């Protein structure tokens, strides 16, 4: 009889505690170095998970076993309301050199944040200084959706040279930025917080094998927590604790389709389960994405694109579902 695996769960993720914030930070410097985005613009976007469906499409991928056939694959729908720029930050040696605020802000944003009186200046003044990088702090116009009113705020990096970044900021400082202007096709990385499951034991948390039904002191416990000497419990031992609500990244999600609800309505008659109806722009990506419905996501250009995922070529036909909404 083969011995069961003692535990599952990578030691890379340590400590396993709740995420500090819903929208995680992204290493925009590494994303920008990849060079996937050729023109100047945002390297990411804010979206909200709608849920999973089945997509009916035609596979046009070269050398695919199903090339030319119509197939059904699992997909995740993400709603992406427009973004607006809150401020622009200038960096020198990885430290903030200065910040320029946008004076034309929405009422909901003024209630949520406190704007310092000492923040003055303009982009033209900061442009003359010796800076290394410029990034924008954006906020989502989530009020356009049916989720909530309070916007989410995130710092997003820009692609291109310093001159191209400044030119893009000037052109879009008071405009609404659509996901169609940022991400159109290809693959994306999704940074988000997973579903929270609270305090869980070692069986569910680390996949330990249940002990025999005649075992003393319970079936759903450790067989051994380590030796007597040294008399301690190593951190590598599986223990009960927080499960879920962790910051994780799903790499190389293929974009199957994108569009606006005004151009093509993909809503079921009674809306999506636990979400409602999509009212703005949306992305449809292949496979599953972490988090429950309505979870805020950071959609970014891929940091390490996979050739196999990039070459996928799908012709979207329609969405299909089994559930009655």
Protein backbone atom coordinates (compact mmCIF):
# COMPACT_ATOMS: atom_id res chain seq x y z
CA UNK A 1 0.00 0.00 0.00
CA UNK A 2 1.46 3.33 -1.05
CA UNK A 3 1.75 6.08 1.50
CA UNK A 4 -0.64 9.00 0.97
CA UNK A 5 0.78 12.43 0.29
CA UNK A 6 1.39 14.16 3.64
CA UNK A 7 0.09 17.55 2.54
CA UNK A 8 -0.66 19.90 -0.34
CA UNK A 9 -0.25 23.63 -0.55
CA UNK A 10 2.85 25.50 -1.67
CA UNK A 11 5.16 26.99 0.95
CA UNK A 12 5.66 29.90 -1.44
CA UNK A 13 2.52 31.54 -0.07
CA UNK A 14 3.42 32.32 3.51
CA UNK A 15 1.96 33.54 5.79
CA UNK A 16 -1.53 32.48 4.70
CA UNK A 17 -3.39 35.50 5.99
CA UNK A 18 -6.17 37.69 4.66
CA UNK A 19 -5.31 40.19 1.94
CA UNK A 20 -4.77 43.74 3.12
CA UNK A 21 -6.74 45.27 0.22
CA UNK A 22 -9.17 44.17 -2.48
CA UNK A 23 -7.27 45.65 -5.43
CA UNK A 24 -3.71 44.30 -5.25
CA UNK A 25 -0.56 46.16 -6.19
CA UNK A 26 1.04 45.18 -9.50
CA UNK A 27 4.71 45.41 -10.48
CA UNK A 28 4.07 47.77 -13.39
CA UNK A 29 7.80 48.13 -14.02
CA UNK A 30 8.08 44.44 -14.90
CA UNK A 31 4.88 44.55 -16.97
CA UNK A 32 6.23 47.52 -18.94
CA UNK A 33 9.61 45.90 -19.56
CA UNK A 34 7.93 43.01 -21.38
CA UNK A 35 7.09 45.24 -24.34
CA UNK A 36 3.76 43.58 -25.23
CA UNK A 37 2.09 46.96 -25.58
CA UNK A 38 3.67 48.82 -28.48
CA UNK A 39 1.86 52.17 -28.28
CA UNK A 40 1.67 54.53 -25.31
CA UNK A 41 -1.14 54.00 -22.82
CA UNK A 42 -2.29 52.20 -19.71
CA UNK A 43 -0.76 48.82 -18.87
CA UNK A 44 -3.86 47.64 -17.02
CA UNK A 45 -7.52 48.18 -16.24
CA UNK A 46 -10.07 47.71 -13.43
CA UNK A 47 -12.87 45.19 -13.97
CA UNK A 48 -15.57 43.38 -12.01
CA UNK A 49 -16.26 39.67 -12.19
CA UNK A 50 -19.72 38.87 -13.55
CA UNK A 51 -19.52 35.06 -13.49
CA UNK A 52 -18.83 31.99 -15.63
CA UNK A 53 -20.68 30.78 -18.69
CA UNK A 54 -20.13 28.47 -21.67
CA UNK A 55 -19.07 30.05 -24.97
CA UNK A 56 -19.98 28.58 -28.36
CA UNK A 57 -17.26 29.48 -30.85
CA UNK A 58 -15.26 28.37 -33.87
CA UNK A 59 -11.67 27.26 -33.35
CA UNK A 60 -9.35 28.82 -35.95
CA UNK A 61 -6.11 27.99 -34.13
CA UNK A 62 -3.37 26.69 -36.42
CA UNK A 63 -2.41 23.03 -35.87
CA UNK A 64 -5.29 22.58 -33.39
CA UNK A 65 -7.02 19.19 -33.19
CA UNK A 66 -10.36 21.01 -33.47
CA UNK A 67 -9.34 23.51 -36.16
CA UNK A 68 -12.35 24.60 -38.21
CA UNK A 69 -14.80 23.00 -35.78
CA UNK A 70 -17.36 24.64 -33.52
CA UNK A 71 -16.58 23.96 -29.85
CA UNK A 72 -17.84 24.94 -26.40
CA UNK A 73 -15.39 26.20 -23.78
CA UNK A 74 -15.80 27.65 -20.25
CA UNK A 75 -15.38 31.42 -20.05
CA UNK A 76 -15.51 34.19 -17.45
CA UNK A 77 -17.26 37.51 -18.12
CA UNK A 78 -15.76 40.72 -16.71
CA UNK A 79 -17.57 44.07 -16.74
CA UNK A 80 -15.26 47.03 -17.32
CA UNK A 81 -16.77 50.48 -16.69
CA UNK A 82 -14.79 53.49 -17.88
CA UNK A 83 -11.89 54.94 -15.87
CA UNK A 84 -10.94 58.54 -15.14
CA UNK A 85 -7.61 59.95 -13.98
CA UNK A 86 -7.47 61.11 -10.37
CA UNK A 87 -3.84 62.28 -10.37
CA UNK A 88 -0.44 61.82 -11.99
CA UNK A 89 2.62 60.75 -9.99
CA UNK A 90 6.20 61.43 -11.05
CA UNK A 91 9.00 59.20 -9.80
CA UNK A 92 12.74 59.68 -9.37
CA UNK A 93 14.90 56.74 -8.16
CA UNK A 94 11.71 54.82 -7.25
CA UNK A 95 10.55 57.65 -4.95
CA UNK A 96 7.65 60.04 -5.52
CA UNK A 97 9.00 63.30 -6.90
CA UNK A 98 5.64 65.05 -7.13
CA UNK A 99 1.94 64.61 -7.83
CA UNK A 100 -0.54 66.58 -9.93
CA UNK A 101 -4.22 66.27 -8.98
CA UNK A 102 -7.17 66.45 -11.33
CA UNK A 103 -9.46 69.30 -10.32
CA UNK A 104 -12.55 68.03 -12.17
CA UNK A 105 -13.55 65.11 -9.93
CA UNK A 106 -16.87 63.30 -9.52
CA UNK A 107 -18.99 63.99 -6.42
CA UNK A 108 -18.74 60.37 -5.23
CA UNK A 109 -14.94 60.56 -5.27
CA UNK A 110 -14.83 63.79 -3.26
CA UNK A 111 -16.83 62.07 -0.52
CA UNK A 112 -14.49 59.08 -0.42
CA UNK A 113 -11.05 60.70 -0.36
CA UNK A 114 -9.45 63.73 1.23
CA UNK A 115 -7.42 65.85 -1.15
CA UNK A 116 -4.45 67.60 0.44
CA UNK A 117 -4.31 71.37 0.13
CA UNK A 118 -0.54 71.32 -0.34
CA UNK A 119 -0.71 69.41 -3.64
CA UNK A 120 -0.17 72.10 -6.23
CA UNK A 121 1.49 72.47 -9.59
CA UNK A 122 0.78 71.33 -13.12
CA UNK A 123 1.98 68.67 -15.53
CA UNK A 124 3.92 71.33 -17.47
CA UNK A 125 5.89 72.28 -14.33
CA UNK A 126 6.64 68.66 -13.41
CA UNK A 127 7.62 67.89 -16.99
CA UNK A 128 10.61 70.25 -16.68
CA UNK A 129 12.00 68.35 -13.68
CA UNK A 130 14.35 65.39 -13.92
CA UNK A 131 12.08 62.35 -13.41
CA UNK A 132 12.44 58.65 -14.25
CA UNK A 133 8.83 57.53 -14.58
CA UNK A 134 5.25 58.81 -14.61
CA UNK A 135 2.17 56.85 -13.58
CA UNK A 136 -1.50 57.69 -13.19
CA UNK A 137 -3.88 57.03 -10.31
CA UNK A 138 -7.26 56.18 -11.79
CA UNK A 139 -10.72 55.54 -10.39
CA UNK A 140 -13.46 53.39 -11.85
CA UNK A 141 -16.85 54.86 -12.67
CA UNK A 142 -18.52 51.88 -11.04
CA UNK A 143 -21.70 53.89 -10.52
CA UNK A 144 -22.52 53.16 -14.17
CA UNK A 145 -22.86 49.47 -13.22
CA UNK A 146 -25.42 48.00 -10.85
CA UNK A 147 -22.82 46.94 -8.25
CA UNK A 148 -22.16 49.92 -5.98
CA UNK A 149 -21.57 53.67 -5.94
CA UNK A 150 -18.15 54.05 -4.31
CA UNK A 151 -15.34 53.98 -6.93
CA UNK A 152 -12.19 51.86 -6.69
CA UNK A 153 -8.83 53.65 -6.88
CA UNK A 154 -5.62 52.17 -8.30
CA UNK A 155 -2.21 53.29 -9.53
CA UNK A 156 -1.51 52.00 -13.05
CA UNK A 157 1.72 52.20 -15.03
CA UNK A 158 2.09 53.52 -18.56
CA UNK A 159 3.91 52.16 -21.61
CA UNK A 160 6.19 54.12 -23.92
CA UNK A 161 8.98 56.66 -23.42
CA UNK A 162 8.79 59.55 -20.97
CA UNK A 163 7.71 61.93 -23.73
CA UNK A 164 5.00 59.53 -24.91
CA UNK A 165 3.70 59.08 -21.35
CA UNK A 166 3.42 62.83 -20.78
CA UNK A 167 1.66 63.30 -24.13
CA UNK A 168 -0.82 60.53 -23.32
CA UNK A 169 -1.55 62.00 -19.85
CA UNK A 170 -2.22 65.44 -21.32
CA UNK A 171 -4.60 64.02 -23.93
CA UNK A 172 -6.58 61.89 -21.44
CA UNK A 173 -6.42 63.86 -18.18
CA UNK A 174 -10.10 64.82 -18.24
CA UNK A 175 -11.44 62.05 -20.49
CA UNK A 176 -13.25 58.80 -19.81
CA UNK A 177 -10.96 55.88 -20.70
CA UNK A 178 -12.64 52.77 -22.12
CA UNK A 179 -11.29 49.22 -21.92
CA UNK A 180 -11.44 49.13 -25.73
CA UNK A 181 -8.74 51.83 -25.78
CA UNK A 182 -6.48 49.78 -23.49
CA UNK A 183 -7.01 46.03 -24.02
CA UNK A 184 -8.48 44.76 -27.28
CA UNK A 185 -7.22 41.20 -27.79
CA UNK A 186 -4.48 38.74 -26.85
CA UNK A 187 -3.84 37.43 -23.34
CA UNK A 188 -4.02 39.18 -19.96
CA UNK A 189 -2.99 38.51 -16.37
CA UNK A 190 -5.71 38.88 -13.75
CA UNK A 191 -4.64 40.03 -10.27
CA UNK A 192 -7.35 39.65 -7.63
CA UNK A 193 -8.33 38.34 -4.20
CA UNK A 194 -9.75 34.82 -3.99
CA UNK A 195 -12.98 33.74 -2.30
CA UNK A 196 -12.76 33.91 1.49
CA UNK A 197 -13.60 30.68 3.34
CA UNK A 198 -12.67 31.65 6.88
CA UNK A 199 -11.06 29.36 9.45
CA UNK A 200 -10.60 25.84 8.07
CA UNK A 201 -8.94 22.68 9.33
CA UNK A 202 -5.94 20.85 7.92
CA UNK A 203 -7.99 18.42 5.79
CA UNK A 204 -9.70 21.14 3.74
CA UNK A 205 -6.87 23.66 3.92
CA UNK A 206 -3.97 21.39 2.91
CA UNK A 207 -5.62 18.26 1.54
CA UNK A 208 -4.44 15.82 4.21
CA UNK A 209 -5.73 12.26 4.04
CA UNK A 210 -8.40 11.31 6.57
CA UNK A 211 -7.20 8.93 9.28
CA UNK A 212 -8.87 5.56 9.84
CA UNK A 213 -12.29 5.45 11.44
CA UNK A 214 -10.85 3.79 14.57
CA UNK A 215 -8.22 6.48 15.15
CA UNK A 216 -8.00 8.14 18.54
CA UNK A 217 -8.45 11.87 18.99
CA UNK A 218 -10.33 12.37 15.73
CA UNK A 219 -10.07 11.57 12.05
CA UNK A 220 -9.58 15.08 10.69
CA UNK A 221 -6.34 15.80 12.57
CA UNK A 222 -2.62 15.45 12.04
CA UNK A 223 -1.09 12.01 12.49
CA UNK A 224 2.13 13.60 13.70
CA UNK A 225 3.11 17.22 14.20
CA UNK A 226 6.82 16.49 14.13
CA UNK A 227 9.49 14.85 16.36
CA UNK A 228 9.91 15.23 20.11
CA UNK A 229 13.39 16.64 19.58
CA UNK A 230 13.75 19.34 18.44
CA UNK A 231 10.61 20.05 20.46
CA UNK A 232 8.88 22.52 18.24
CA UNK A 233 6.31 22.62 15.44
CA UNK A 234 7.87 23.82 12.18
CA UNK A 235 5.98 26.31 10.02
CA UNK A 236 6.00 23.68 7.26
CA UNK A 237 3.57 21.54 9.26
CA UNK A 238 -0.03 21.92 8.07
CA UNK A 239 -2.10 23.76 10.66
CA UNK A 240 -5.66 25.06 10.86
CA UNK A 241 -6.12 28.70 9.90
CA UNK A 242 -7.36 31.21 7.38
CA UNK A 243 -8.34 29.80 3.97
CA UNK A 244 -9.11 32.00 1.02
CA UNK A 245 -9.21 35.79 0.62
CA UNK A 246 -5.62 35.65 -0.64
CA UNK A 247 -4.05 37.81 -3.36
CA UNK A 248 -3.35 35.59 -6.36
CA UNK A 249 -2.55 36.00 -10.08
CA UNK A 250 -3.97 33.94 -12.95
CA UNK A 251 -1.55 34.24 -15.87
CA UNK A 252 -2.21 34.29 -19.63
CA UNK A 253 -6.01 34.39 -19.85
CA UNK A 254 -7.00 34.40 -23.51
CA UNK A 255 -9.51 37.12 -24.48
CA UNK A 256 -12.29 35.38 -26.39
CA UNK A 257 -14.41 38.45 -27.08
CA UNK A 258 -14.86 42.07 -26.02
CA UNK A 259 -17.54 44.62 -26.64
CA UNK A 260 -20.06 47.11 -25.34
CA UNK A 261 -23.53 46.22 -24.09
CA UNK A 262 -24.92 48.97 -26.35
CA UNK A 263 -23.50 47.23 -29.43
CA UNK A 264 -24.23 43.60 -28.48
CA UNK A 265 -26.44 42.70 -25.52
CA UNK A 266 -25.22 39.45 -23.91
CA UNK A 267 -27.45 39.73 -20.83
CA UNK A 268 -29.86 36.89 -19.97
CA UNK A 269 -33.48 37.97 -19.56
CA UNK A 270 -33.25 38.28 -15.77
CA UNK A 271 -29.55 39.15 -15.53
CA UNK A 272 -26.61 37.07 -14.38
CA UNK A 273 -26.89 35.06 -11.17
CA UNK A 274 -25.66 36.98 -8.08
CA UNK A 275 -24.70 39.93 -10.30
CA UNK A 276 -27.53 41.40 -12.34
CA UNK A 277 -27.27 42.92 -15.79
CA UNK A 278 -24.17 44.28 -17.50
CA UNK A 279 -24.58 47.96 -18.35
CA UNK A 280 -21.17 48.99 -19.75
CA UNK A 281 -18.24 47.39 -21.62
CA UNK A 282 -17.18 43.81 -21.02
CA UNK A 283 -14.44 41.26 -21.65
CA UNK A 284 -14.93 37.52 -22.10
CA UNK A 285 -11.84 35.48 -21.20
CA UNK A 286 -11.20 31.76 -21.43
CA UNK A 287 -11.30 29.67 -18.25
CA UNK A 288 -11.92 30.59 -14.63
CA UNK A 289 -10.80 33.58 -12.58
CA UNK A 290 -10.39 33.86 -8.82
CA UNK A 291 -12.96 35.54 -6.61
CA UNK A 292 -16.76 35.63 -6.25
CA UNK A 293 -19.20 37.64 -8.34
CA UNK A 294 -18.75 41.43 -8.12
CA UNK A 295 -15.10 41.07 -7.06
CA UNK A 296 -12.90 43.95 -8.28
CA UNK A 297 -10.06 42.74 -10.52
CA UNK A 298 -6.87 44.22 -11.97
CA UNK A 299 -6.54 43.22 -15.63
CA UNK A 300 -2.93 43.70 -16.78
CA UNK A 301 -0.81 42.99 -19.81
CA UNK A 302 0.98 39.63 -19.42
CA UNK A 303 4.28 39.64 -17.54
CA UNK A 304 5.36 36.32 -19.13
CA UNK A 305 3.13 35.55 -22.15
CA UNK A 306 2.75 31.92 -23.17
CA UNK A 307 3.22 31.19 -26.89
CA UNK A 308 0.60 28.45 -26.74
CA UNK A 309 -2.00 30.85 -25.32
CA UNK A 310 -1.09 33.76 -27.59
CA UNK A 311 -1.56 31.72 -30.78
CA UNK A 312 -5.10 30.64 -29.81
CA UNK A 313 -7.57 32.02 -32.34
CA UNK A 314 -11.28 31.86 -31.58
CA UNK A 315 -14.23 33.18 -33.57
CA UNK A 316 -16.90 34.01 -30.98
CA UNK A 317 -20.47 33.01 -31.83
CA UNK A 318 -22.62 33.21 -28.69
CA UNK A 319 -22.91 32.48 -24.97
CA UNK A 320 -24.74 29.43 -23.70
CA UNK A 321 -25.95 28.53 -20.23
CA UNK A 322 -27.67 25.65 -18.51
CA UNK A 323 -29.05 27.52 -15.51
CA UNK A 324 -32.37 29.34 -15.54
CA UNK A 325 -31.74 32.94 -14.53
